[in-house]
Each structure stands twice: as structure tokens, then as C-alpha cells.
Amino acid sequence: MTTEQIERGARARTRQAVLDAAASVWAHDFSASLSTIAERAEVSRSTLHRYFTDRQALVDALLLDSLARLEALDDGTGAPGSAKAMDTLEQYLRAGVAMGDRVIFLFSDPNRFDGNPHWAADEGDDEMRALMDSARTEGSIAPGIPTSWAVSLYYAVLYTAAEVSNQDLPRHVAADLAVQSFRRSVAP
């Protein structure tokens, strides 16, 4: 491994440490300072500023990184039609709970990203609605439950599980409860 490859690897790890620290801190207090984030990431403030010139640059980077992680949730779940839609929804729910801080960062304040060109909150709604409709067709969602209700319920359960797992419940337990809650709420 060359010195350049080692440096790129170290730089990537440092950048990721800062993003992870920002997600953890801002999930609980969006007014927290960059100094607090640097301390959590175990880097100096000047190191943080080498990666992110100002607060908005870090907000934008965390927004993009978090959205990319959410979009990647379906990686590894198989091709469409290879699994039941409800099983896919369960996999997404479990993966989303595992990303708890990022879910809370993205969705705790509905106005946080107003005007941010990187934010399109309802971009994935068409895919989610289609997945809910597939689950209904398979018989996993009661016919009388509107798709919009099922989608909103799903996101509410995800957010609640992410929030509770940050307080006093292990993530795997929160994920199990989220899956149970969603399945029972929409079951025929």
C-alpha cells in the first residue's frame, strides 16, 4: 500500500468519523457547536474545518451521506419480486432502525432543510407506496387501509424505534418491536 493510499484511507476514516459524530450529536441537539462535534469525533476543530469549511458544509455533507445510506437500504434485499413485499419492508425497517441517529437527524424537524437543494423529502415515496401496494396485493396489508396511511404509519414506527433505541432500548429490540408494531397495525 502506498503512502497516498494510506492517507486517502485515513482521510476517509476521519471524514466518516466527523459525519458519524455530527449525526449522533445533531440527532439530539441541532444547535450543538462544531466544537462539540469535533470533540465527539476525537479530532481537533481545525481538523474538522479541513474537511468541512463551515457548519452548512457539514450539514450538507451529512444530509447527502444520510440520504445515500437510506437509498442503499435495498442493496442486498434481492431483485424486485424475489421476496415478499412485507419481508422487504421489514428489512428496510430493521436497517433504518440501525441508522437511528441519521433517521432522527433527517426527520426530527420538518423544516430543517427547507430551501436546501439537496433535500427532496418525498423523493422515495413513490417506491414506498408501490411496495405497500404490493404488500396489500400479497395479503399482508388489510384492503381497507389506505396506502397513504400505511406509508405514514411505517415512517412513524421507524422514527419512534430510532428515537427509543437512542434512549434506553437496544437497537435490535427496538427493531423487533417496530416490525411487530407495523405488521400488527396493518394486518388483515
N, C-alpha and C. Protein backbone atom coordinates (compact mmCIF):
# COMPACT_ATOMS: atom_id res chain seq x y z
N MET A 1 0.85 -1.17 0.00
CA MET A 1 0.00 0.00 0.00
C MET A 1 0.90 1.24 0.00
N THR A 2 0.58 2.16 -0.88
CA THR A 2 1.39 3.38 -0.98
C THR A 2 1.01 4.37 0.11
N THR A 3 1.88 5.36 0.31
CA THR A 3 1.61 6.42 1.28
C THR A 3 0.34 7.17 0.91
N GLU A 4 0.13 7.38 -0.39
CA GLU A 4 -1.07 8.09 -0.85
C GLU A 4 -2.34 7.29 -0.53
N GLN A 5 -2.30 5.98 -0.72
CA GLN A 5 -3.46 5.15 -0.40
C GLN A 5 -3.75 5.14 1.10
N ILE A 6 -2.69 5.10 1.90
CA ILE A 6 -2.86 5.13 3.35
C ILE A 6 -3.47 6.46 3.77
N GLU A 7 -2.97 7.56 3.19
CA GLU A 7 -3.50 8.89 3.52
C GLU A 7 -4.97 9.00 3.12
N ARG A 8 -5.31 8.51 1.90
CA ARG A 8 -6.72 8.56 1.48
C ARG A 8 -7.59 7.74 2.42
N GLY A 9 -7.09 6.59 2.85
CA GLY A 9 -7.84 5.76 3.79
C GLY A 9 -8.03 6.45 5.12
N ALA A 10 -6.96 7.06 5.62
CA ALA A 10 -7.04 7.79 6.90
C ALA A 10 -7.95 9.00 6.76
N ARG A 11 -7.85 9.72 5.65
CA ARG A 11 -8.72 10.88 5.42
C ARG A 11 -10.19 10.45 5.35
N ALA A 12 -10.44 9.36 4.67
CA ALA A 12 -11.82 8.86 4.55
C ALA A 12 -12.36 8.46 5.92
N ARG A 13 -11.52 7.81 6.73
CA ARG A 13 -11.96 7.41 8.08
C ARG A 13 -12.22 8.63 8.96
N THR A 14 -11.35 9.64 8.85
CA THR A 14 -11.54 10.86 9.64
C THR A 14 -12.82 11.57 9.21
N ARG A 15 -13.01 11.70 7.91
CA ARG A 15 -14.23 12.34 7.40
C ARG A 15 -15.46 11.60 7.89
N GLN A 16 -15.42 10.27 7.83
CA GLN A 16 -16.56 9.47 8.28
C GLN A 16 -16.78 9.61 9.78
N ALA A 17 -15.70 9.69 10.54
CA ALA A 17 -15.82 9.88 11.99
C ALA A 17 -16.51 11.20 12.30
N VAL A 18 -16.18 12.24 11.55
CA VAL A 18 -16.82 13.55 11.76
C VAL A 18 -18.30 13.47 11.40
N LEU A 19 -18.62 12.82 10.28
CA LEU A 19 -20.03 12.69 9.88
C LEU A 19 -20.81 11.88 10.91
N ASP A 20 -20.24 10.79 11.39
CA ASP A 20 -20.92 9.96 12.39
C ASP A 20 -21.13 10.75 13.69
N ALA A 21 -20.11 11.51 14.09
CA ALA A 21 -20.24 12.32 15.30
C ALA A 21 -21.31 13.38 15.11
N ALA A 22 -21.35 14.02 13.96
CA ALA A 22 -22.38 15.04 13.69
C ALA A 22 -23.77 14.42 13.74
N ALA A 23 -23.93 13.24 13.17
CA ALA A 23 -25.24 12.58 13.21
C ALA A 23 -25.65 12.29 14.64
N SER A 24 -24.72 11.78 15.43
CA SER A 24 -25.01 11.45 16.82
C SER A 24 -25.36 12.68 17.64
N VAL A 25 -24.60 13.73 17.47
CA VAL A 25 -24.82 14.96 18.24
C VAL A 25 -26.07 15.67 17.78
N TRP A 26 -26.19 15.89 16.47
CA TRP A 26 -27.32 16.66 15.94
C TRP A 26 -28.65 15.91 16.00
N ALA A 27 -28.61 14.61 16.19
CA ALA A 27 -29.87 13.86 16.38
C ALA A 27 -30.53 14.30 17.69
N HIS A 28 -29.72 14.76 18.62
CA HIS A 28 -30.24 15.15 19.93
C HIS A 28 -30.28 16.66 20.15
N ASP A 29 -29.38 17.38 19.45
CA ASP A 29 -29.31 18.83 19.65
C ASP A 29 -28.74 19.48 18.39
N PHE A 30 -29.62 19.93 17.52
CA PHE A 30 -29.16 20.50 16.25
C PHE A 30 -28.44 21.83 16.45
N SER A 31 -28.58 22.43 17.62
CA SER A 31 -27.88 23.69 17.88
C SER A 31 -26.46 23.46 18.41
N ALA A 32 -26.06 22.21 18.60
CA ALA A 32 -24.73 21.91 19.12
C ALA A 32 -23.65 22.48 18.21
N SER A 33 -22.57 22.89 18.81
CA SER A 33 -21.49 23.56 18.09
C SER A 33 -20.61 22.56 17.33
N LEU A 34 -19.83 23.11 16.42
CA LEU A 34 -18.85 22.30 15.70
C LEU A 34 -17.77 21.80 16.66
N SER A 35 -17.49 22.56 17.71
CA SER A 35 -16.52 22.11 18.72
C SER A 35 -17.00 20.83 19.39
N THR A 36 -18.28 20.77 19.68
CA THR A 36 -18.86 19.57 20.30
C THR A 36 -18.73 18.38 19.36
N ILE A 37 -18.96 18.62 18.08
CA ILE A 37 -18.85 17.54 17.10
C ILE A 37 -17.40 17.09 16.96
N ALA A 38 -16.47 18.04 16.91
CA ALA A 38 -15.05 17.70 16.82
C ALA A 38 -14.63 16.86 18.02
N GLU A 39 -15.09 17.27 19.20
CA GLU A 39 -14.76 16.52 20.42
C GLU A 39 -15.30 15.10 20.34
N ARG A 40 -16.55 14.95 19.90
CA ARG A 40 -17.16 13.61 19.77
C ARG A 40 -16.41 12.76 18.75
N ALA A 41 -15.93 13.39 17.67
CA ALA A 41 -15.20 12.67 16.63
C ALA A 41 -13.74 12.43 17.01
N GLU A 42 -13.33 13.01 18.14
CA GLU A 42 -11.96 12.89 18.63
C GLU A 42 -10.96 13.46 17.63
N VAL A 43 -11.32 14.63 17.10
CA VAL A 43 -10.42 15.39 16.22
C VAL A 43 -10.41 16.83 16.70
N SER A 44 -9.42 17.58 16.26
CA SER A 44 -9.39 18.99 16.62
C SER A 44 -10.37 19.76 15.76
N ARG A 45 -10.70 20.94 16.22
CA ARG A 45 -11.63 21.77 15.43
C ARG A 45 -10.99 22.14 14.09
N SER A 46 -9.70 22.38 14.07
CA SER A 46 -9.03 22.71 12.81
C SER A 46 -9.07 21.53 11.84
N THR A 47 -8.98 20.31 12.36
CA THR A 47 -9.12 19.13 11.50
C THR A 47 -10.52 19.06 10.93
N LEU A 48 -11.52 19.29 11.75
CA LEU A 48 -12.90 19.31 11.26
C LEU A 48 -13.04 20.32 10.13
N HIS A 49 -12.45 21.50 10.30
CA HIS A 49 -12.56 22.55 9.28
C HIS A 49 -11.79 22.24 8.01
N ARG A 50 -10.81 21.34 8.08
CA ARG A 50 -10.13 20.91 6.85
C ARG A 50 -11.08 20.11 5.97
N TYR A 51 -12.02 19.42 6.59
CA TYR A 51 -12.98 18.60 5.85
C TYR A 51 -14.24 19.38 5.51
N PHE A 52 -14.67 20.22 6.43
CA PHE A 52 -15.92 20.97 6.27
C PHE A 52 -15.67 22.41 6.66
N THR A 53 -15.70 23.31 5.69
CA THR A 53 -15.29 24.70 5.91
C THR A 53 -16.16 25.44 6.91
N ASP A 54 -17.44 25.06 6.98
CA ASP A 54 -18.34 25.72 7.92
C ASP A 54 -19.48 24.78 8.29
N ARG A 55 -20.33 25.25 9.17
CA ARG A 55 -21.45 24.44 9.65
C ARG A 55 -22.33 23.96 8.50
N GLN A 56 -22.65 24.86 7.56
CA GLN A 56 -23.53 24.48 6.45
C GLN A 56 -22.91 23.39 5.58
N ALA A 57 -21.60 23.45 5.39
CA ALA A 57 -20.92 22.42 4.60
C ALA A 57 -21.06 21.05 5.28
N LEU A 58 -20.97 21.04 6.62
CA LEU A 58 -21.13 19.78 7.35
C LEU A 58 -22.58 19.32 7.31
N VAL A 59 -23.52 20.24 7.46
CA VAL A 59 -24.95 19.88 7.37
C VAL A 59 -25.23 19.25 6.01
N ASP A 60 -24.76 19.90 4.95
CA ASP A 60 -25.00 19.38 3.59
C ASP A 60 -24.36 18.01 3.39
N ALA A 61 -23.13 17.85 3.87
CA ALA A 61 -22.44 16.57 3.71
C ALA A 61 -23.17 15.47 4.48
N LEU A 62 -23.62 15.78 5.70
CA LEU A 62 -24.34 14.79 6.50
C LEU A 62 -25.69 14.46 5.87
N LEU A 63 -26.36 15.46 5.34
CA LEU A 63 -27.62 15.24 4.65
C LEU A 63 -27.42 14.29 3.48
N LEU A 64 -26.44 14.58 2.63
CA LEU A 64 -26.18 13.73 1.46
C LEU A 64 -25.75 12.32 1.86
N ASP A 65 -24.88 12.22 2.86
CA ASP A 65 -24.41 10.92 3.32
C ASP A 65 -25.57 10.10 3.90
N SER A 66 -26.41 10.75 4.68
CA SER A 66 -27.55 10.05 5.29
C SER A 66 -28.55 9.60 4.24
N LEU A 67 -28.84 10.47 3.28
CA LEU A 67 -29.76 10.10 2.20
C LEU A 67 -29.20 8.95 1.37
N ALA A 68 -27.89 8.97 1.11
CA ALA A 68 -27.27 7.88 0.36
C ALA A 68 -27.39 6.56 1.11
N ARG A 69 -27.23 6.63 2.43
CA ARG A 69 -27.37 5.40 3.23
C ARG A 69 -28.81 4.88 3.20
N LEU A 70 -29.76 5.79 3.27
CA LEU A 70 -31.16 5.36 3.18
C LEU A 70 -31.47 4.74 1.82
N GLU A 71 -30.95 5.36 0.77
CA GLU A 71 -31.19 4.83 -0.58
C GLU A 71 -30.53 3.47 -0.77
N ALA A 72 -29.45 3.22 -0.05
CA ALA A 72 -28.74 1.97 -0.18
C ALA A 72 -29.36 0.84 0.64
N LEU A 73 -30.40 1.13 1.40
CA LEU A 73 -31.00 0.10 2.24
C LEU A 73 -31.45 -1.11 1.44
N ASP A 74 -31.90 -0.88 0.22
CA ASP A 74 -32.40 -2.01 -0.55
C ASP A 74 -31.28 -2.84 -1.17
N ASP A 75 -30.03 -2.40 -1.07
CA ASP A 75 -28.93 -3.22 -1.56
C ASP A 75 -28.89 -4.52 -0.77
N GLY A 76 -28.85 -5.62 -1.49
CA GLY A 76 -28.77 -6.91 -0.83
C GLY A 76 -30.12 -7.51 -0.47
N THR A 77 -31.21 -6.84 -0.75
CA THR A 77 -32.51 -7.42 -0.42
C THR A 77 -33.04 -8.25 -1.57
N GLY A 78 -32.31 -8.27 -2.67
CA GLY A 78 -32.74 -9.08 -3.81
C GLY A 78 -33.48 -8.26 -4.83
N ALA A 79 -33.65 -8.84 -5.96
CA ALA A 79 -34.35 -8.17 -7.05
C ALA A 79 -35.83 -8.10 -6.76
N PRO A 80 -36.51 -7.09 -7.32
CA PRO A 80 -37.95 -7.00 -7.11
C PRO A 80 -38.62 -8.33 -7.48
N GLY A 81 -39.53 -8.74 -6.66
CA GLY A 81 -40.23 -10.00 -6.91
C GLY A 81 -39.54 -11.21 -6.30
N SER A 82 -38.31 -11.04 -5.80
CA SER A 82 -37.61 -12.20 -5.23
C SER A 82 -38.01 -12.44 -3.79
N ALA A 83 -38.61 -11.47 -3.14
CA ALA A 83 -39.05 -11.62 -1.76
C ALA A 83 -40.45 -11.03 -1.64
N LYS A 84 -41.14 -11.45 -0.61
CA LYS A 84 -42.45 -10.84 -0.37
C LYS A 84 -42.25 -9.38 0.00
N ALA A 85 -43.19 -8.57 -0.41
CA ALA A 85 -43.09 -7.13 -0.16
C ALA A 85 -43.01 -6.83 1.34
N MET A 86 -43.78 -7.53 2.15
CA MET A 86 -43.76 -7.29 3.59
C MET A 86 -42.39 -7.66 4.18
N ASP A 87 -41.76 -8.70 3.65
CA ASP A 87 -40.42 -9.06 4.12
C ASP A 87 -39.42 -7.96 3.76
N THR A 88 -39.57 -7.38 2.57
CA THR A 88 -38.70 -6.28 2.16
C THR A 88 -38.93 -5.07 3.06
N LEU A 89 -40.19 -4.76 3.36
CA LEU A 89 -40.49 -3.65 4.27
C LEU A 89 -39.86 -3.90 5.64
N GLU A 90 -39.90 -5.14 6.09
CA GLU A 90 -39.29 -5.48 7.38
C GLU A 90 -37.78 -5.26 7.33
N GLN A 91 -37.13 -5.68 6.24
CA GLN A 91 -35.69 -5.48 6.11
C GLN A 91 -35.35 -3.99 6.12
N TYR A 92 -36.11 -3.20 5.40
CA TYR A 92 -35.89 -1.76 5.39
C TYR A 92 -36.07 -1.17 6.78
N LEU A 93 -37.09 -1.62 7.49
CA LEU A 93 -37.36 -1.11 8.83
C LEU A 93 -36.20 -1.43 9.77
N ARG A 94 -35.74 -2.65 9.74
CA ARG A 94 -34.61 -3.04 10.60
C ARG A 94 -33.35 -2.24 10.26
N ALA A 95 -33.08 -2.08 8.99
CA ALA A 95 -31.90 -1.32 8.57
C ALA A 95 -32.05 0.15 8.96
N GLY A 96 -33.25 0.69 8.85
CA GLY A 96 -33.49 2.07 9.22
C GLY A 96 -33.31 2.30 10.71
N VAL A 97 -33.76 1.36 11.52
CA VAL A 97 -33.58 1.48 12.98
C VAL A 97 -32.08 1.45 13.30
N ALA A 98 -31.32 0.64 12.58
CA ALA A 98 -29.87 0.58 12.81
C ALA A 98 -29.20 1.91 12.49
N MET A 99 -29.84 2.72 11.65
CA MET A 99 -29.31 4.05 11.31
C MET A 99 -29.97 5.13 12.16
N GLY A 100 -30.36 4.80 13.35
CA GLY A 100 -31.17 5.65 14.21
C GLY A 100 -30.82 7.13 14.23
N ASP A 101 -29.56 7.46 14.49
CA ASP A 101 -29.18 8.87 14.59
C ASP A 101 -29.43 9.60 13.28
N ARG A 102 -29.18 8.96 12.18
CA ARG A 102 -29.37 9.60 10.88
C ARG A 102 -30.85 9.77 10.57
N VAL A 103 -31.67 8.81 10.95
CA VAL A 103 -33.12 8.95 10.76
C VAL A 103 -33.63 10.14 11.56
N ILE A 104 -33.19 10.24 12.80
CA ILE A 104 -33.63 11.35 13.65
C ILE A 104 -33.11 12.68 13.09
N PHE A 105 -31.85 12.72 12.67
CA PHE A 105 -31.29 13.93 12.08
C PHE A 105 -32.11 14.37 10.86
N LEU A 106 -32.47 13.43 10.01
CA LEU A 106 -33.18 13.77 8.78
C LEU A 106 -34.63 14.20 9.02
N PHE A 107 -35.29 13.57 9.98
CA PHE A 107 -36.74 13.73 10.05
C PHE A 107 -37.29 14.36 11.33
N SER A 108 -36.42 14.76 12.27
CA SER A 108 -36.95 15.31 13.52
C SER A 108 -37.54 16.70 13.37
N ASP A 109 -37.05 17.46 12.41
CA ASP A 109 -37.56 18.82 12.20
C ASP A 109 -37.99 18.94 10.74
N PRO A 110 -39.29 19.01 10.50
CA PRO A 110 -39.78 19.03 9.11
C PRO A 110 -39.32 20.25 8.31
N ASN A 111 -38.84 21.29 8.99
CA ASN A 111 -38.40 22.50 8.29
C ASN A 111 -36.89 22.65 8.24
N ARG A 112 -36.17 21.71 8.80
CA ARG A 112 -34.71 21.84 8.92
C ARG A 112 -34.03 22.07 7.57
N PHE A 113 -34.51 21.44 6.53
CA PHE A 113 -33.82 21.50 5.24
C PHE A 113 -34.57 22.31 4.20
N ASP A 114 -35.55 23.11 4.65
CA ASP A 114 -36.27 23.96 3.70
C ASP A 114 -35.27 24.81 2.91
N GLY A 115 -35.41 24.79 1.61
CA GLY A 115 -34.54 25.58 0.76
C GLY A 115 -33.21 24.92 0.43
N ASN A 116 -32.90 23.80 1.07
CA ASN A 116 -31.65 23.11 0.79
C ASN A 116 -31.81 22.35 -0.53
N PRO A 117 -30.95 22.62 -1.51
CA PRO A 117 -31.11 21.99 -2.82
C PRO A 117 -30.90 20.47 -2.80
N HIS A 118 -30.33 19.95 -1.73
CA HIS A 118 -30.08 18.51 -1.64
C HIS A 118 -31.28 17.74 -1.07
N TRP A 119 -32.28 18.45 -0.59
CA TRP A 119 -33.38 17.83 0.14
C TRP A 119 -34.60 17.65 -0.75
N ALA A 120 -35.05 16.43 -0.83
CA ALA A 120 -36.31 16.11 -1.50
C ALA A 120 -36.98 15.04 -0.64
N ALA A 121 -37.66 15.47 0.40
CA ALA A 121 -38.19 14.58 1.44
C ALA A 121 -39.08 13.49 0.89
N ASP A 122 -39.86 13.78 -0.13
CA ASP A 122 -40.81 12.79 -0.62
C ASP A 122 -40.34 12.07 -1.88
N GLU A 123 -39.03 12.13 -2.15
CA GLU A 123 -38.48 11.52 -3.35
C GLU A 123 -38.72 10.01 -3.40
N GLY A 124 -38.60 9.32 -2.28
CA GLY A 124 -38.76 7.87 -2.26
C GLY A 124 -40.19 7.42 -2.01
N ASP A 125 -41.12 8.36 -1.89
CA ASP A 125 -42.49 7.98 -1.56
C ASP A 125 -43.15 7.11 -2.62
N ASP A 126 -42.85 7.33 -3.89
CA ASP A 126 -43.46 6.51 -4.94
C ASP A 126 -43.06 5.05 -4.79
N GLU A 127 -41.78 4.81 -4.50
CA GLU A 127 -41.32 3.44 -4.32
C GLU A 127 -41.95 2.81 -3.08
N MET A 128 -42.05 3.60 -2.01
CA MET A 128 -42.65 3.08 -0.78
C MET A 128 -44.13 2.77 -0.99
N ARG A 129 -44.83 3.65 -1.69
CA ARG A 129 -46.24 3.42 -1.98
C ARG A 129 -46.42 2.14 -2.81
N ALA A 130 -45.54 1.95 -3.79
CA ALA A 130 -45.62 0.75 -4.63
C ALA A 130 -45.35 -0.51 -3.80
N LEU A 131 -44.41 -0.42 -2.88
CA LEU A 131 -44.11 -1.56 -2.02
C LEU A 131 -45.30 -1.87 -1.11
N MET A 132 -45.94 -0.84 -0.58
CA MET A 132 -47.14 -1.05 0.25
C MET A 132 -48.27 -1.68 -0.57
N ASP A 133 -48.44 -1.20 -1.79
CA ASP A 133 -49.48 -1.76 -2.66
C ASP A 133 -49.18 -3.23 -2.97
N SER A 134 -47.90 -3.57 -3.17
CA SER A 134 -47.52 -4.97 -3.40
C SER A 134 -47.81 -5.81 -2.16
N ALA A 135 -47.52 -5.26 -0.99
CA ALA A 135 -47.81 -5.99 0.26
C ALA A 135 -49.31 -6.21 0.41
N ARG A 136 -50.11 -5.23 0.00
CA ARG A 136 -51.56 -5.39 0.05
C ARG A 136 -52.01 -6.50 -0.92
N THR A 137 -51.46 -6.49 -2.12
CA THR A 137 -51.80 -7.49 -3.12
C THR A 137 -51.45 -8.90 -2.62
N GLU A 138 -50.35 -9.02 -1.90
CA GLU A 138 -49.92 -10.30 -1.33
C GLU A 138 -50.78 -10.73 -0.14
N GLY A 139 -51.59 -9.81 0.37
CA GLY A 139 -52.45 -10.13 1.50
C GLY A 139 -51.86 -9.77 2.85
N SER A 140 -50.77 -9.00 2.89
CA SER A 140 -50.14 -8.64 4.15
C SER A 140 -50.70 -7.36 4.75
N ILE A 141 -51.38 -6.56 3.94
CA ILE A 141 -51.99 -5.31 4.42
C ILE A 141 -53.49 -5.38 4.15
N ALA A 142 -54.24 -5.02 5.15
CA ALA A 142 -55.71 -5.08 5.04
C ALA A 142 -56.17 -4.18 3.89
N PRO A 143 -57.15 -4.65 3.13
CA PRO A 143 -57.64 -3.88 1.97
C PRO A 143 -58.20 -2.51 2.35
N GLY A 144 -58.74 -2.34 3.53
CA GLY A 144 -59.36 -1.08 3.92
C GLY A 144 -58.39 -0.02 4.40
N ILE A 145 -57.10 -0.36 4.52
CA ILE A 145 -56.11 0.61 4.99
C ILE A 145 -55.56 1.37 3.77
N PRO A 146 -55.78 2.68 3.73
CA PRO A 146 -55.26 3.46 2.60
C PRO A 146 -53.72 3.40 2.55
N THR A 147 -53.18 3.40 1.36
CA THR A 147 -51.73 3.35 1.18
C THR A 147 -51.05 4.51 1.90
N SER A 148 -51.64 5.70 1.81
CA SER A 148 -51.01 6.86 2.47
C SER A 148 -50.93 6.63 3.99
N TRP A 149 -51.94 6.00 4.56
CA TRP A 149 -51.94 5.69 6.00
C TRP A 149 -50.83 4.69 6.31
N ALA A 150 -50.71 3.65 5.51
CA ALA A 150 -49.69 2.62 5.75
C ALA A 150 -48.28 3.22 5.65
N VAL A 151 -48.05 4.07 4.66
CA VAL A 151 -46.74 4.71 4.49
C VAL A 151 -46.43 5.60 5.69
N SER A 152 -47.39 6.44 6.08
CA SER A 152 -47.17 7.34 7.22
C SER A 152 -46.94 6.55 8.50
N LEU A 153 -47.70 5.49 8.70
CA LEU A 153 -47.54 4.64 9.87
C LEU A 153 -46.15 4.00 9.89
N TYR A 154 -45.72 3.53 8.74
CA TYR A 154 -44.40 2.91 8.61
C TYR A 154 -43.31 3.89 9.05
N TYR A 155 -43.36 5.11 8.53
CA TYR A 155 -42.34 6.10 8.89
C TYR A 155 -42.44 6.49 10.36
N ALA A 156 -43.64 6.55 10.90
CA ALA A 156 -43.80 6.88 12.32
C ALA A 156 -43.20 5.79 13.20
N VAL A 157 -43.43 4.55 12.84
CA VAL A 157 -42.87 3.43 13.60
C VAL A 157 -41.34 3.45 13.50
N LEU A 158 -40.82 3.71 12.31
CA LEU A 158 -39.37 3.78 12.12
C LEU A 158 -38.77 4.88 12.99
N TYR A 159 -39.36 6.06 12.95
CA TYR A 159 -38.83 7.19 13.72
C TYR A 159 -38.90 6.89 15.21
N THR A 160 -40.02 6.35 15.66
CA THR A 160 -40.18 6.04 17.08
C THR A 160 -39.15 5.01 17.54
N ALA A 161 -38.94 3.99 16.74
CA ALA A 161 -37.95 2.96 17.09
C ALA A 161 -36.55 3.55 17.14
N ALA A 162 -36.23 4.43 16.18
CA ALA A 162 -34.91 5.07 16.18
C ALA A 162 -34.73 5.93 17.42
N GLU A 163 -35.75 6.66 17.78
CA GLU A 163 -35.68 7.54 18.93
C GLU A 163 -35.56 6.75 20.25
N VAL A 164 -36.37 5.74 20.41
CA VAL A 164 -36.35 4.95 21.64
C VAL A 164 -35.05 4.17 21.77
N SER A 165 -34.52 3.69 20.65
CA SER A 165 -33.26 2.93 20.73
C SER A 165 -32.10 3.84 21.10
N ASN A 166 -32.25 5.14 20.92
CA ASN A 166 -31.22 6.08 21.36
C ASN A 166 -31.35 6.40 22.84
N GLN A 167 -32.46 6.05 23.44
CA GLN A 167 -32.69 6.39 24.84
C GLN A 167 -32.35 5.23 25.76
N ASP A 168 -33.09 4.14 25.67
CA ASP A 168 -32.87 3.08 26.66
C ASP A 168 -33.16 1.67 26.16
N LEU A 169 -33.35 1.51 24.88
CA LEU A 169 -33.69 0.21 24.34
C LEU A 169 -32.63 -0.21 23.31
N PRO A 170 -32.10 -1.41 23.43
CA PRO A 170 -31.13 -1.85 22.42
C PRO A 170 -31.76 -1.81 21.02
N ARG A 171 -30.96 -1.49 20.03
CA ARG A 171 -31.47 -1.33 18.66
C ARG A 171 -32.17 -2.59 18.15
N HIS A 172 -31.63 -3.77 18.45
CA HIS A 172 -32.26 -4.99 17.94
C HIS A 172 -33.64 -5.20 18.56
N VAL A 173 -33.81 -4.80 19.81
CA VAL A 173 -35.11 -4.91 20.46
C VAL A 173 -36.08 -3.89 19.85
N ALA A 174 -35.58 -2.67 19.64
CA ALA A 174 -36.41 -1.63 19.02
C ALA A 174 -36.83 -2.05 17.61
N ALA A 175 -35.91 -2.67 16.87
CA ALA A 175 -36.23 -3.14 15.52
C ALA A 175 -37.29 -4.23 15.56
N ASP A 176 -37.15 -5.18 16.49
CA ASP A 176 -38.16 -6.24 16.62
C ASP A 176 -39.53 -5.64 16.95
N LEU A 177 -39.56 -4.70 17.88
CA LEU A 177 -40.83 -4.07 18.26
C LEU A 177 -41.42 -3.25 17.11
N ALA A 178 -40.56 -2.60 16.34
CA ALA A 178 -41.03 -1.82 15.20
C ALA A 178 -41.68 -2.74 14.16
N VAL A 179 -41.04 -3.84 13.88
CA VAL A 179 -41.60 -4.80 12.90
C VAL A 179 -42.93 -5.35 13.41
N GLN A 180 -42.97 -5.76 14.67
CA GLN A 180 -44.22 -6.26 15.26
C GLN A 180 -45.31 -5.21 15.20
N SER A 181 -44.99 -4.00 15.59
CA SER A 181 -45.98 -2.92 15.62
C SER A 181 -46.53 -2.64 14.23
N PHE A 182 -45.64 -2.56 13.25
CA PHE A 182 -46.12 -2.26 11.90
C PHE A 182 -46.95 -3.41 11.35
N ARG A 183 -46.44 -4.62 11.46
CA ARG A 183 -47.18 -5.78 10.91
C ARG A 183 -48.57 -5.91 11.56
N ARG A 184 -48.63 -5.76 12.86
CA ARG A 184 -49.94 -5.90 13.53
C ARG A 184 -50.89 -4.75 13.20
N SER A 185 -50.33 -3.57 12.96
CA SER A 185 -51.17 -2.40 12.68
C SER A 185 -51.83 -2.47 11.31
N VAL A 186 -51.20 -3.15 10.37
CA VAL A 186 -51.75 -3.19 9.01
C VAL A 186 -52.29 -4.55 8.62
N ALA A 187 -52.17 -5.52 9.50
CA ALA A 187 -52.58 -6.89 9.17
C ALA A 187 -54.06 -6.98 8.82
N PRO A 188 -54.38 -7.83 7.87
CA PRO A 188 -55.80 -8.04 7.52
C PRO A 188 -56.57 -8.71 8.65
